[in-house]
PDB file of N, CA and C in Angstrom:
ATOM      1  N   MET A   1      39.161 158.163  70.779  1.00  0.00           N
ATOM      2  CA  MET A   1      38.922 158.047  69.348  1.00  0.00           C
ATOM      3  C   MET A   1      39.185 159.392  68.693  1.00  0.00           C
ATOM      4  N   SER A   2      39.814 159.381  67.563  1.00  0.00           N
ATOM      5  CA  SER A   2      40.138 160.601  66.842  1.00  0.00           C
ATOM      6  C   SER A   2      38.881 161.235  66.273  1.00  0.00           C
ATOM      7  N   GLU A   3      38.783 162.562  66.415  1.00  0.00           N
ATOM      8  CA  GLU A   3      37.636 163.274  65.857  1.00  0.00           C
ATOM      9  C   GLU A   3      37.692 163.300  64.336  1.00  0.00           C
ATOM     10  N   GLU A   4      38.867 162.991  63.766  1.00  0.00           N
ATOM     11  CA  GLU A   4      39.009 162.990  62.319  1.00  0.00           C
ATOM     12  C   GLU A   4      38.311 161.786  61.685  1.00  0.00           C
ATOM     13  N   ARG A   5      37.976 160.814  62.484  1.00  0.00           N
ATOM     14  CA  ARG A   5      37.323 159.610  61.968  1.00  0.00           C
ATOM     15  C   ARG A   5      35.940 159.989  61.438  1.00  0.00           C
ATOM     16  N   ASP A   6      35.615 159.519  60.262  1.00  0.00           N
ATOM     17  CA  ASP A   6      34.289 159.792  59.727  1.00  0.00           C
ATOM     18  C   ASP A   6      33.345 158.634  60.051  1.00  0.00           C
ATOM     19  N   PHE A   7      32.088 158.842  59.773  1.00  0.00           N
ATOM     20  CA  PHE A   7      31.063 157.867  60.119  1.00  0.00           C
ATOM     21  C   PHE A   7      31.340 156.506  59.483  1.00  0.00           C
ATOM     22  N   GLU A   8      31.678 156.518  58.205  1.00  0.00           N
ATOM     23  CA  GLU A   8      31.877 155.257  57.491  1.00  0.00           C
ATOM     24  C   GLU A   8      33.037 154.454  58.060  1.00  0.00           C
ATOM     25  N   SER A   9      34.150 155.126  58.353  1.00  0.00           N
ATOM     26  CA  SER A   9      35.283 154.380  58.910  1.00  0.00           C
ATOM     27  C   SER A   9      34.984 153.907  60.330  1.00  0.00           C
ATOM     28  N   ALA A  10      34.200 154.677  61.072  1.00  0.00           N
ATOM     29  CA  ALA A  10      33.799 154.249  62.419  1.00  0.00           C
ATOM     30  C   ALA A  10      32.916 153.006  62.337  1.00  0.00           C
ATOM     31  N   MET A  11      31.993 152.988  61.386  1.00  0.00           N
ATOM     32  CA  MET A  11      31.133 151.813  61.218  1.00  0.00           C
ATOM     33  C   MET A  11      31.947 150.592  60.787  1.00  0.00           C
ATOM     34  N   LYS A  12      32.917 150.810  59.908  1.00  0.00           N
ATOM     35  CA  LYS A  12      33.756 149.700  59.462  1.00  0.00           C
ATOM     36  C   LYS A  12      34.533 149.123  60.643  1.00  0.00           C
ATOM     37  N   ARG A  13      35.089 149.988  61.462  1.00  0.00           N
ATOM     38  CA  ARG A  13      35.836 149.521  62.634  1.00  0.00           C
ATOM     39  C   ARG A  13      34.908 148.798  63.604  1.00  0.00           C
ATOM     40  N   LEU A  14      33.697 149.306  63.758  1.00  0.00           N
ATOM     41  CA  LEU A  14      32.725 148.665  64.638  1.00  0.00           C
ATOM     42  C   LEU A  14      32.394 147.256  64.140  1.00  0.00           C
ATOM     43  N   GLU A  15      32.247 147.094  62.836  1.00  0.00           N
ATOM     44  CA  GLU A  15      32.005 145.768  62.263  1.00  0.00           C
ATOM     45  C   GLU A  15      33.177 144.829  62.538  1.00  0.00           C
ATOM     46  N   GLU A  16      34.403 145.360  62.430  1.00  0.00           N
ATOM     47  CA  GLU A  16      35.589 144.553  62.729  1.00  0.00           C
ATOM     48  C   GLU A  16      35.583 144.103  64.191  1.00  0.00           C
ATOM     49  N   ILE A  17      35.216 145.012  65.074  1.00  0.00           N
ATOM     50  CA  ILE A  17      35.180 144.698  66.504  1.00  0.00           C
ATOM     51  C   ILE A  17      34.146 143.618  66.792  1.00  0.00           C
ATOM     52  N   VAL A  18      32.978 143.744  66.195  1.00  0.00           N
ATOM     53  CA  VAL A  18      31.932 142.731  66.387  1.00  0.00           C
ATOM     54  C   VAL A  18      32.443 141.370  65.930  1.00  0.00           C
ATOM     55  N   GLN A  19      33.084 141.340  64.775  1.00  0.00           N
ATOM     56  CA  GLN A  19      33.623 140.076  64.255  1.00  0.00           C
ATOM     57  C   GLN A  19      34.654 139.487  65.211  1.00  0.00           C
ATOM     58  N   MET A  20      35.540 140.334  65.730  1.00  0.00           N
ATOM     59  CA  MET A  20      36.572 139.864  66.658  1.00  0.00           C
ATOM     60  C   MET A  20      35.947 139.291  67.925  1.00  0.00           C
ATOM     61  N   LEU A  21      34.930 139.960  68.444  1.00  0.00           N
ATOM     62  CA  LEU A  21      34.277 139.486  69.665  1.00  0.00           C
ATOM     63  C   LEU A  21      33.491 138.201  69.410  1.00  0.00           C
ATOM     64  N   GLU A  22      32.856 138.108  68.239  1.00  0.00           N
ATOM     65  CA  GLU A  22      32.100 136.899  67.916  1.00  0.00           C
ATOM     66  C   GLU A  22      33.010 135.687  67.720  1.00  0.00           C
ATOM     67  N   ASN A  23      34.220 135.921  67.221  1.00  0.00           N
ATOM     68  CA  ASN A  23      35.165 134.812  67.014  1.00  0.00           C
ATOM     69  C   ASN A  23      35.586 134.179  68.328  1.00  0.00           C
ATOM     70  N   GLY A  24      35.629 134.963  69.390  1.00  0.00           N
ATOM     71  CA  GLY A  24      35.970 134.428  70.699  1.00  0.00           C
ATOM     72  C   GLY A  24      37.423 134.049  70.879  1.00  0.00           C
ATOM     73  N   ASN A  25      38.306 134.567  70.041  1.00  0.00           N
ATOM     74  CA  ASN A  25      39.728 134.228  70.125  1.00  0.00           C
ATOM     75  C   ASN A  25      40.528 135.196  70.987  1.00  0.00           C
ATOM     76  N   LEU A  26      39.875 136.130  71.646  1.00  0.00           N
ATOM     77  CA  LEU A  26      40.562 137.132  72.455  1.00  0.00           C
ATOM     78  C   LEU A  26      40.550 136.736  73.926  1.00  0.00           C
ATOM     79  N   SER A  27      41.553 137.204  74.636  1.00  0.00           N
ATOM     80  CA  SER A  27      41.555 137.002  76.085  1.00  0.00           C
ATOM     81  C   SER A  27      40.490 137.908  76.701  1.00  0.00           C
ATOM     82  N   LEU A  28      40.195 137.689  77.955  1.00  0.00           N
ATOM     83  CA  LEU A  28      39.211 138.518  78.645  1.00  0.00           C
ATOM     84  C   LEU A  28      39.630 139.979  78.621  1.00  0.00           C
ATOM     85  N   GLU A  29      40.904 140.239  78.903  1.00  0.00           N
ATOM     86  CA  GLU A  29      41.401 141.613  78.921  1.00  0.00           C
ATOM     87  C   GLU A  29      41.289 142.266  77.547  1.00  0.00           C
ATOM     88  N   GLU A  30      41.667 141.521  76.503  1.00  0.00           N
ATOM     89  CA  GLU A  30      41.568 142.040  75.135  1.00  0.00           C
ATOM     90  C   GLU A  30      40.106 142.279  74.758  1.00  0.00           C
ATOM     91  N   SER A  31      39.248 141.361  75.158  1.00  0.00           N
ATOM     92  CA  SER A  31      37.820 141.502  74.866  1.00  0.00           C
ATOM     93  C   SER A  31      37.247 142.746  75.518  1.00  0.00           C
ATOM     94  N   LEU A  32      37.607 142.987  76.775  1.00  0.00           N
ATOM     95  CA  LEU A  32      37.112 144.178  77.465  1.00  0.00           C
ATOM     96  C   LEU A  32      37.614 145.453  76.812  1.00  0.00           C
ATOM     97  N   LYS A  33      38.879 145.461  76.423  1.00  0.00           N
ATOM     98  CA  LYS A  33      39.456 146.642  75.779  1.00  0.00           C
ATOM     99  C   LYS A  33      38.755 146.926  74.451  1.00  0.00           C
ATOM    100  N   ILE A  34      38.562 145.896  73.649  1.00  0.00           N
ATOM    101  CA  ILE A  34      37.937 146.072  72.342  1.00  0.00           C
ATOM    102  C   ILE A  34      36.453 146.403  72.498  1.00  0.00           C
ATOM    103  N   PHE A  35      35.816 145.857  73.532  1.00  0.00           N
ATOM    104  CA  PHE A  35      34.417 146.172  73.813  1.00  0.00           C
ATOM    105  C   PHE A  35      34.273 147.655  74.148  1.00  0.00           C
ATOM    106  N   GLU A  36      35.181 148.182  74.967  1.00  0.00           N
ATOM    107  CA  GLU A  36      35.144 149.604  75.312  1.00  0.00           C
ATOM    108  C   GLU A  36      35.305 150.475  74.072  1.00  0.00           C
ATOM    109  N   GLU A  37      36.216 150.087  73.187  1.00  0.00           N
ATOM    110  CA  GLU A  37      36.386 150.831  71.934  1.00  0.00           C
ATOM    111  C   GLU A  37      35.093 150.795  71.125  1.00  0.00           C
ATOM    112  N   GLY A  38      34.477 149.624  71.076  1.00  0.00           N
ATOM    113  CA  GLY A  38      33.220 149.484  70.347  1.00  0.00           C
ATOM    114  C   GLY A  38      32.120 150.362  70.915  1.00  0.00           C
ATOM    115  N   MET A  39      32.037 150.450  72.228  1.00  0.00           N
ATOM    116  CA  MET A  39      31.008 151.287  72.852  1.00  0.00           C
ATOM    117  C   MET A  39      31.226 152.762  72.519  1.00  0.00           C
ATOM    118  N   LYS A  40      32.474 153.199  72.475  1.00  0.00           N
ATOM    119  CA  LYS A  40      32.776 154.583  72.087  1.00  0.00           C
ATOM    120  C   LYS A  40      32.366 154.831  70.639  1.00  0.00           C
ATOM    121  N   LEU A  41      32.610 153.842  69.794  1.00  0.00           N
ATOM    122  CA  LEU A  41      32.224 153.970  68.389  1.00  0.00           C
ATOM    123  C   LEU A  41      30.710 154.011  68.227  1.00  0.00           C
ATOM    124  N   VAL A  42      29.997 153.198  69.000  1.00  0.00           N
ATOM    125  CA  VAL A  42      28.530 153.208  68.952  1.00  0.00           C
ATOM    126  C   VAL A  42      28.012 154.590  69.339  1.00  0.00           C
ATOM    127  N   LYS A  43      28.560 155.151  70.388  1.00  0.00           N
ATOM    128  CA  LYS A  43      28.142 156.485  70.837  1.00  0.00           C
ATOM    129  C   LYS A  43      28.425 157.528  69.755  1.00  0.00           C
ATOM    130  N   TYR A  44      29.612 157.462  69.156  1.00  0.00           N
ATOM    131  CA  TYR A  44      29.988 158.395  68.098  1.00  0.00           C
ATOM    132  C   TYR A  44      29.037 158.270  66.904  1.00  0.00           C
ATOM    133  N   CYS A  45      28.802 157.040  66.447  1.00  0.00           N
ATOM    134  CA  CYS A  45      27.933 156.818  65.288  1.00  0.00           C
ATOM    135  C   CYS A  45      26.500 157.246  65.582  1.00  0.00           C
ATOM    136  N   SER A  46      26.021 156.969  66.773  1.00  0.00           N
ATOM    137  CA  SER A  46      24.663 157.378  67.149  1.00  0.00           C
ATOM    138  C   SER A  46      24.524 158.887  67.122  1.00  0.00           C
ATOM    139  N   SER A  47      25.523 159.591  67.629  1.00  0.00           N
ATOM    140  CA  SER A  47      25.442 161.053  67.634  1.00  0.00           C
ATOM    141  C   SER A  47      25.491 161.602  66.214  1.00  0.00           C
ATOM    142  N   LYS A  48      26.282 160.989  65.343  1.00  0.00           N
ATOM    143  CA  LYS A  48      26.337 161.426  63.944  1.00  0.00           C
ATOM    144  C   LYS A  48      25.003 161.181  63.240  1.00  0.00           C
ATOM    145  N   LEU A  49      24.372 160.038  63.519  1.00  0.00           N
ATOM    146  CA  LEU A  49      23.068 159.749  62.917  1.00  0.00           C
ATOM    147  C   LEU A  49      22.001 160.716  63.415  1.00  0.00           C
ATOM    148  N   GLU A  50      22.014 161.019  64.712  1.00  0.00           N
ATOM    149  CA  GLU A  50      21.055 161.971  65.263  1.00  0.00           C
ATOM    150  C   GLU A  50      21.260 163.353  64.657  1.00  0.00           C
ATOM    151  N   GLU A  51      22.509 163.741  64.475  1.00  0.00           N
ATOM    152  CA  GLU A  51      22.822 165.030  63.860  1.00  0.00           C
ATOM    153  C   GLU A  51      22.301 165.078  62.424  1.00  0.00           C
ATOM    154  N   ALA A  52      22.504 164.005  61.677  1.00  0.00           N
ATOM    155  CA  ALA A  52      22.025 163.942  60.297  1.00  0.00           C
ATOM    156  C   ALA A  52      20.504 163.974  60.253  1.00  0.00           C
ATOM    157  N   GLU A  53      19.849 163.279  61.170  1.00  0.00           N
ATOM    158  CA  GLU A  53      18.390 163.251  61.203  1.00  0.00           C
ATOM    159  C   GLU A  53      17.820 164.642  61.469  1.00  0.00           C
ATOM    160  N   ARG A  54      18.485 165.406  62.314  1.00  0.00           N
ATOM    161  CA  ARG A  54      18.018 166.768  62.589  1.00  0.00           C
ATOM    162  C   ARG A  54      18.109 167.645  61.349  1.00  0.00           C
ATOM    163  N   LYS A  55      19.060 167.340  60.476  1.00  0.00           N
ATOM    164  CA  LYS A  55      19.259 168.144  59.272  1.00  0.00           C
ATOM    165  C   LYS A  55      18.315 167.754  58.144  1.00  0.00           C
ATOM    166  N   VAL A  56      17.835 166.530  58.174  1.00  0.00           N
ATOM    167  CA  VAL A  56      16.991 166.033  57.093  1.00  0.00           C
ATOM    168  C   VAL A  56      15.562 166.507  57.298  1.00  0.00           C
ATOM    169  N   SER A  57      14.972 166.987  56.233  1.00  0.00           N
ATOM    170  CA  SER A  57      13.557 167.332  56.297  1.00  0.00           C
ATOM    171  C   SER A  57      12.868 166.732  55.081  1.00  0.00           C
ATOM    172  N   ILE A  58      11.569 166.606  55.169  1.00  0.00           N
ATOM    173  CA  ILE A  58      10.806 165.995  54.089  1.00  0.00           C
ATOM    174  C   ILE A  58       9.627 166.885  53.731  1.00  0.00           C
ATOM    175  N   LEU A  59       9.094 166.647  52.565  1.00  0.00           N
ATOM    176  CA  LEU A  59       7.893 167.350  52.147  1.00  0.00           C
ATOM    177  C   LEU A  59       6.702 166.430  52.369  1.00  0.00           C
ATOM    178  N   VAL A  60       5.673 166.966  53.015  1.00  0.00           N
ATOM    179  CA  VAL A  60       4.469 166.207  53.304  1.00  0.00           C
ATOM    180  C   VAL A  60       3.293 166.946  52.676  1.00  0.00           C
ATOM    181  N   GLN A  61       2.426 166.192  52.007  1.00  0.00           N
ATOM    182  CA  GLN A  61       1.258 166.799  51.394  1.00  0.00           C
ATOM    183  C   GLN A  61       0.132 166.873  52.417  1.00  0.00           C
ATOM    184  N   GLU A  62      -0.395 168.089  52.608  1.00  0.00           N
ATOM    185  CA  GLU A  62      -1.510 168.286  53.531  1.00  0.00           C
ATOM    186  C   GLU A  62      -2.813 167.945  52.832  1.00  0.00           C
ATOM    187  N   SER A  63      -3.889 167.898  53.588  1.00  0.00           N
ATOM    188  CA  SER A  63      -5.194 167.538  53.029  1.00  0.00           C
ATOM    189  C   SER A  63      -5.675 168.538  51.980  1.00  0.00           C
ATOM    190  N   ASN A  64      -5.209 169.781  52.051  1.00  0.00           N
ATOM    191  CA  ASN A  64      -5.616 170.782  51.065  1.00  0.00           C
ATOM    192  C   ASN A  64      -4.778 170.712  49.787  1.00  0.00           C
ATOM    193  N   GLY A  65      -3.874 169.739  49.706  1.00  0.00           N
ATOM    194  CA  GLY A  65      -3.068 169.547  48.513  1.00  0.00           C
ATOM    195  C   GLY A  65      -1.738 170.274  48.527  1.00  0.00           C
ATOM    196  N   LYS A  66      -1.550 171.158  49.474  1.00  0.00           N
ATOM    197  CA  LYS A  66      -0.292 171.899  49.551  1.00  0.00           C
ATOM    198  C   LYS A  66       0.765 171.052  50.247  1.00  0.00           C
ATOM    199  N   TYR A  67       2.000 171.332  49.922  1.00  0.00           N
ATOM    200  CA  TYR A  67       3.124 170.627  50.535  1.00  0.00           C
ATOM    201  C   TYR A  67       3.771 171.512  51.589  1.00  0.00           C
ATOM    202  N   VAL A  68       4.127 170.893  52.705  1.00  0.00           N
ATOM    203  CA  VAL A  68       4.836 171.602  53.764  1.00  0.00           C
ATOM    204  C   VAL A  68       6.107 170.827  54.091  1.00  0.00           C
ATOM    205  N   GLN A  69       7.110 171.564  54.523  1.00  0.00           N
ATOM    206  CA  GLN A  69       8.371 170.947  54.906  1.00  0.00           C
ATOM    207  C   GLN A  69       8.356 170.699  56.404  1.00  0.00           C
ATOM    208  N   VAL A  70       8.638 169.454  56.807  1.00  0.00           N
ATOM    209  CA  VAL A  70       8.666 169.103  58.228  1.00  0.00           C
ATOM    210  C   VAL A  70       9.960 168.353  58.525  1.00  0.00           C
ATOM    211  N   PRO A  71      10.422 168.417  59.765  1.00  0.00           N
ATOM    212  CA  PRO A  71      11.598 167.628  60.132  1.00  0.00           C
ATOM    213  C   PRO A  71      11.324 166.146  59.950  1.00  0.00           C
ATOM    214  N   PHE A  72      12.336 165.400  59.605  1.00  0.00           N
ATOM    215  CA  PHE A  72      12.218 163.965  59.369  1.00  0.00           C
ATOM    216  C   PHE A  72      11.571 163.248  60.537  1.00  0.00           C
ATOM    217  N   SER A  73      11.916 163.628  61.759  1.00  0.00           N
ATOM    218  CA  SER A  73      11.408 162.936  62.944  1.00  0.00           C
ATOM    219  C   SER A  73       9.906 163.104  63.134  1.00  0.00           C
ATOM    220  N   GLU A  74       9.307 164.120  62.522  1.00  0.00           N
ATOM    221  CA  GLU A  74       7.867 164.339  62.657  1.00  0.00           C
ATOM    222  C   GLU A  74       7.060 163.577  61.618  1.00  0.00           C
ATOM    223  N   LYS A  75       7.689 162.962  60.637  1.00  0.00           N
ATOM    224  CA  LYS A  75       6.986 162.265  59.561  1.00  0.00           C
ATOM    225  C   LYS A  75       6.060 161.193  60.109  1.00  0.00           C
ATOM    226  N   GLU A  76       6.529 160.383  61.042  1.00  0.00           N
ATOM    227  CA  GLU A  76       5.712 159.301  61.583  1.00  0.00           C
ATOM    228  C   GLU A  76       4.504 159.830  62.334  1.00  0.00           C
ATOM    229  N   GLU A  77       4.645 160.988  62.988  1.00  0.00           N
ATOM    230  CA  GLU A  77       3.535 161.571  63.728  1.00  0.00           C
ATOM    231  C   GLU A  77       2.434 162.040  62.785  1.00  0.00           C
ATOM    232  N   ILE A  78       2.808 162.449  61.573  1.00  0.00           N
ATOM    233  CA  ILE A  78       1.845 162.981  60.613  1.00  0.00           C
ATOM    234  C   ILE A  78       1.064 161.863  59.947  1.00  0.00           C
ATOM    235  N   GLU A  79       1.719 160.730  59.687  1.00  0.00           N
ATOM    236  CA  GLU A  79       1.073 159.636  58.945  1.00  0.00           C
ATOM    237  C   GLU A  79       0.008 158.949  59.727  1.00  0.00           C
TER     238      GLU A  79
END
């Protein structure tokens, strides 16, 4: 897969692959090939989402009324 592919185009291609596999009009060999492409896209999209999550932070209000900045992944632990 080209590194130039962005998240949105990867997701669009993944949706196309799912549709093709659900239609069931492919041979076994074609299905396996397209499935492998889909798995690579899933891995790529997952890594992009994890990267974005690491960059996102939120403001949480502490009991003393002050706000602190915490990583997005820690929000659920605080609530």
